Protein backbone atom coordinates (compact mmCIF):
# COMPACT_ATOMS: atom_id res chain seq x y z
CA UNK A 1 113.77 126.26 109.82
CA UNK A 2 111.26 125.73 106.84
CA UNK A 3 114.33 124.98 104.65
CA UNK A 4 115.17 122.12 106.89
CA UNK A 5 111.78 121.21 107.06
CA UNK A 6 111.34 120.90 103.40
CA UNK A 7 114.90 119.25 103.16
CA UNK A 8 113.78 116.61 105.57
CA UNK A 9 110.35 116.36 104.02
CA UNK A 10 111.42 115.62 100.55
CA UNK A 11 114.13 112.89 101.44
CA UNK A 12 111.09 111.04 103.65
CA UNK A 13 109.32 111.17 100.31
CA UNK A 14 111.91 110.09 98.28
CA UNK A 15 112.46 107.19 100.69
CA UNK A 16 108.91 106.14 100.71
CA UNK A 17 107.71 106.77 97.34
CA UNK A 18 110.70 107.41 95.19
CA UNK A 19 112.25 104.13 94.97
CA UNK A 20 110.93 101.02 93.72
CA UNK A 21 111.42 98.09 96.09
CA UNK A 22 113.70 94.60 94.39
CA UNK A 23 111.87 92.89 97.51
CA UNK A 24 109.27 91.11 95.83
CA UNK A 25 106.24 89.32 97.68
CA UNK A 26 107.10 85.65 98.17
CA UNK A 27 105.48 82.54 99.45
CA UNK A 28 107.60 80.34 100.87
CA UNK A 29 105.23 77.27 101.63
CA UNK A 30 103.49 75.25 98.82
CA UNK A 31 99.79 76.29 98.34
CA UNK A 32 97.15 74.39 95.99
CA UNK A 33 96.80 75.61 92.34
CA UNK A 34 94.53 74.63 89.59
CA UNK A 35 95.15 74.86 85.98
CA UNK A 36 91.97 76.82 84.67
CA UNK A 37 93.06 77.87 81.24
CA UNK A 38 96.45 78.29 79.05
CA UNK A 39 97.33 82.21 77.83
CA UNK A 40 98.01 80.75 73.90
CA UNK A 41 99.41 84.20 73.02
CA UNK A 42 102.50 82.83 75.21
CA UNK A 43 101.62 79.42 75.81
CA UNK A 44 101.80 79.73 79.52
CA UNK A 45 99.28 78.58 82.45
CA UNK A 46 96.41 80.32 84.27
CA UNK A 47 96.01 79.37 87.84
CA UNK A 48 93.32 79.98 90.29
CA UNK A 49 94.07 79.10 94.07
CA UNK A 50 90.63 77.06 95.37
CA UNK A 51 91.95 76.33 98.74
CA UNK A 52 94.01 79.74 99.32
CA UNK A 53 92.62 82.35 97.79
CA UNK A 54 92.60 85.08 100.67
CA UNK A 55 96.37 84.02 101.10
CA UNK A 56 97.10 84.75 97.71
CA UNK A 57 95.15 88.15 97.82
CA UNK A 58 96.92 89.11 100.73
CA UNK A 59 100.46 88.40 100.24
CA UNK A 60 100.77 88.46 95.98
CA UNK A 61 98.06 91.19 95.43
CA UNK A 62 94.40 90.52 94.03
CA UNK A 63 93.75 89.43 90.27
CA UNK A 64 91.10 89.92 88.49
CA UNK A 65 88.20 86.62 88.82
CA UNK A 66 91.24 85.43 91.29
CA UNK A 67 92.92 84.04 88.18
CA UNK A 68 96.78 84.66 88.02
CA UNK A 69 99.13 84.61 84.72
CA UNK A 70 102.16 82.53 85.22
CA UNK A 71 105.04 83.71 83.71
CA UNK A 72 107.34 80.51 83.65
CA UNK A 73 105.02 77.66 83.75
CA UNK A 74 104.73 76.05 80.06
CA UNK A 75 101.54 74.79 78.82
CA UNK A 76 102.96 71.62 77.46
CA UNK A 77 103.54 70.47 80.62
CA UNK A 78 99.76 71.01 82.23
CA UNK A 79 96.25 70.25 81.53
CA UNK A 80 93.23 72.36 82.24
CA UNK A 81 91.87 71.07 85.64
CA UNK A 82 95.13 69.83 86.91
CA UNK A 83 96.38 70.69 90.02
CA UNK A 84 99.99 71.64 90.83
CA UNK A 85 101.46 72.30 94.09
CA UNK A 86 103.43 75.55 93.61
CA UNK A 87 105.65 78.05 95.20
CA UNK A 88 105.26 81.78 93.78
CA UNK A 89 106.17 85.44 94.14
CA UNK A 90 105.07 88.38 92.01
CA UNK A 91 106.98 88.04 88.78
CA UNK A 92 109.44 91.19 88.43
CA UNK A 93 109.32 93.22 85.41
CA UNK A 94 112.21 91.65 83.75
CA UNK A 95 110.74 88.43 83.30
CA UNK A 96 107.69 89.28 81.69
CA UNK A 97 107.90 88.30 78.05
CA UNK A 98 107.30 90.49 75.63
CA UNK A 99 103.82 88.67 74.20
CA UNK A 100 102.63 89.61 78.03
CA UNK A 101 103.83 93.61 78.07
CA UNK A 102 103.03 93.84 73.88
CA UNK A 103 99.87 91.77 73.47
CA UNK A 104 98.51 90.51 77.08
CA UNK A 105 95.78 88.21 76.21
CA UNK A 106 94.12 88.52 79.80
CA UNK A 107 94.99 91.56 82.52
CA UNK A 108 95.35 89.00 85.21
CA UNK A 109 98.00 89.44 87.77
CA UNK A 110 101.85 88.28 86.82
CA UNK A 111 103.49 85.29 89.26
CA UNK A 112 106.79 83.84 89.04
CA UNK A 113 106.56 80.03 90.19
CA UNK A 114 109.72 79.44 92.13
CA UNK A 115 108.81 75.80 92.48
CA UNK A 116 106.06 73.31 91.86
CA UNK A 117 105.33 69.67 92.25
CA UNK A 118 102.50 67.47 90.54
CA UNK A 119 99.56 66.67 92.83
CA UNK A 120 99.03 62.99 92.69
């Protein structure tokens, strides 16, 4: 009986903690983001979410100073202080650039922008 219990417990533990989920948190609605800085090491944008900070924290996760490092918004397209509407998700490990993983400028959470619109 103990062996069956141990096997059962091991299987439950493996499924609960042993596999990394491929279901990354995604926001399907547009949220307002503000360009607050650039990562000059990677030439990408650093965002904050002035209207939706709690939603982002809850759905995507907390990040230092409520700033988030984008892995795919090129700084040459934007200006500091500019607002954009974005759809986003947590960046997958294979999307992180070497400059972020090997020589990080900041320790912000990494996000992938799935779509954006300029705010007029």
